[in-house]
Protein backbone atom coordinates (compact mmCIF):
# COMPACT_ATOMS: atom_id res chain seq x y z
CA MET A 1 212.83 79.60 143.31
CA LYS A 2 212.10 80.82 139.89
CA GLY A 3 213.71 79.97 136.63
CA LEU A 4 213.29 80.33 132.79
CA LYS A 5 210.69 77.79 131.29
CA LEU A 6 212.19 75.43 128.89
CA VAL A 7 210.45 72.99 126.54
CA ASN A 8 212.77 70.55 124.77
CA GLY A 9 215.65 72.74 125.83
CA ASP A 10 214.28 75.86 124.20
CA LEU A 11 213.12 78.94 125.95
CA VAL A 12 209.35 79.54 126.01
CA PHE A 13 207.79 82.83 125.27
CA ASP A 14 204.30 84.01 126.05
CA GLU A 15 201.82 85.66 123.64
CA ASN A 16 203.45 89.05 124.38
CA GLY A 17 206.82 87.90 123.43
CA GLU A 18 207.95 87.77 127.15
CA LEU A 19 209.91 84.91 128.54
CA GLU A 20 207.93 82.64 130.55
CA MET A 21 208.93 81.58 134.15
CA VAL A 22 208.52 78.42 136.22
CA SER A 23 208.57 78.35 140.02
CA ASP A 24 207.96 75.99 142.93
CA ASP A 25 207.53 72.47 142.06
CA ASP A 26 207.54 73.06 138.30
CA GLU A 27 210.96 74.60 138.60
CA ILE A 28 212.56 71.76 140.57
CA VAL A 29 211.01 69.15 138.35
CA GLN A 30 212.33 70.98 135.28
CA ASN A 31 215.88 71.19 136.99
CA LEU A 32 215.84 67.49 137.78
CA GLU A 33 214.79 66.58 134.17
CA MET A 34 217.66 68.63 132.85
CA ILE A 35 220.11 67.05 135.15
CA LEU A 36 218.99 63.46 134.13
CA SER A 37 219.01 64.48 130.55
CA THR A 38 222.52 65.72 130.63
CA GLN A 39 225.36 63.33 130.16
CA LEU A 40 227.92 63.47 132.90
CA GLY A 41 230.80 65.73 131.80
CA GLU A 42 228.77 67.16 128.89
CA PHE A 43 228.14 70.59 130.59
CA GLN A 44 231.55 72.43 130.15
CA LEU A 45 230.96 74.89 132.98
CA ASP A 46 230.54 72.15 135.49
CA GLU A 47 231.54 68.65 134.39
CA THR A 48 230.33 67.14 137.69
CA ILE A 49 226.64 67.78 136.79
CA GLY A 50 224.70 65.06 134.85
CA LEU A 51 224.09 61.29 134.61
CA ASP A 52 226.77 58.75 133.99
CA ARG A 53 224.90 56.63 131.28
CA SER A 54 227.38 53.85 130.97
CA ASN A 55 225.30 51.54 133.12
CA ILE A 56 222.08 52.40 131.28
CA LEU A 57 223.43 52.08 127.72
CA THR A 58 224.74 48.55 127.97
CA LYS A 59 223.50 45.28 126.46
CA GLN A 60 223.40 43.71 129.92
CA PHE A 61 221.27 46.31 131.61
CA ASP A 62 221.85 46.14 135.38
CA GLU A 63 218.70 47.81 136.99
CA GLU A 64 220.36 47.96 140.49
CA GLN A 65 223.42 49.88 139.14
CA ALA A 66 221.26 52.14 137.03
CA HIS A 67 219.08 52.88 140.02
CA TYR A 68 222.16 53.83 142.01
CA ASP A 69 223.36 56.11 139.17
CA ILE A 70 219.87 57.88 139.03
CA VAL A 71 219.93 58.45 142.71
CA GLU A 72 223.33 59.75 142.68
CA THR A 73 222.51 62.15 139.86
CA LEU A 74 219.31 63.43 141.44
CA MET A 75 221.05 64.04 144.69
CA GLN A 76 223.10 66.76 142.83
CA GLU A 77 220.09 68.90 143.36
CA ASP A 78 220.47 70.34 146.81
CA ARG A 79 216.66 70.44 147.39
CA VAL A 80 216.32 66.76 146.99
CA ALA A 81 216.33 64.89 150.35
CA GLU A 82 215.45 61.35 149.12
CA VAL A 83 214.81 59.44 146.01
CA ARG A 84 211.59 57.40 146.77
CA GLU A 85 210.84 55.46 143.69
CA ILE A 86 212.44 54.85 140.16
CA ILE A 87 210.62 53.01 137.40
CA PHE A 88 212.55 52.12 134.28
CA THR A 89 210.88 51.83 131.05
CA PRO A 90 213.07 50.34 128.21
CA ASN A 91 212.20 50.45 124.62
CA LYS A 92 214.45 47.84 123.12
CA LYS A 93 213.27 48.42 119.62
CA ASN A 94 214.42 52.11 119.56
CA ARG A 95 217.21 51.53 122.09
CA ARG A 96 215.73 54.20 124.44
CA MET A 97 215.21 54.27 128.14
CA SER A 98 212.99 56.51 130.08
CA VAL A 99 212.35 56.68 133.83
CA ASP A 100 209.63 57.91 136.10
CA VAL A 101 210.90 59.13 139.45
CA THR A 102 209.45 60.28 142.78
CA VAL A 103 211.62 62.32 145.00
CA VAL A 104 211.15 63.87 148.43
CA LYS A 105 212.23 67.49 148.86
CA THR A 106 214.01 68.84 151.86
CA ASP A 107 210.79 70.36 152.89
CA GLY A 108 209.22 66.89 153.06
CA SER A 109 206.79 67.11 150.05
CA ALA A 110 207.20 64.90 147.06
CA VAL A 111 207.34 65.63 143.35
CA SER A 112 207.32 63.25 140.45
CA LEU A 113 208.96 63.26 136.99
CA GLU A 114 207.46 61.05 134.31
CA GLY A 115 209.00 59.73 131.00
CA VAL A 116 212.36 61.38 131.30
CA THR A 117 214.61 60.09 128.46
CA VAL A 118 217.99 59.09 129.95
CA ASP A 119 219.75 57.68 127.02
CA ALA A 120 219.73 60.20 124.20
């Protein structure tokens, strides 16, 4: 698949003023990052897309429950067959949480996402 390239939620233009595109693994990684960065219910056109952050933004962080929520969220992407690994990196000083994730696509290949903020 192809999609419009986004950086920090903004469209990217090349030196000629044309919209840049992403495809293949870059496109699925971008899509997964967007799903994780979207709070469940935030996207008004489809309120079932996004991550329920209630188990991530608690004082008593439950990694097992947060792991389940991340897996459930990533499975919203039809091209994901399995979530292989999730690594949580909390920053208690700034009250931020980021994750590194490896997923297996339906074609059997794996892609990784690194440092996706899931608490903003």
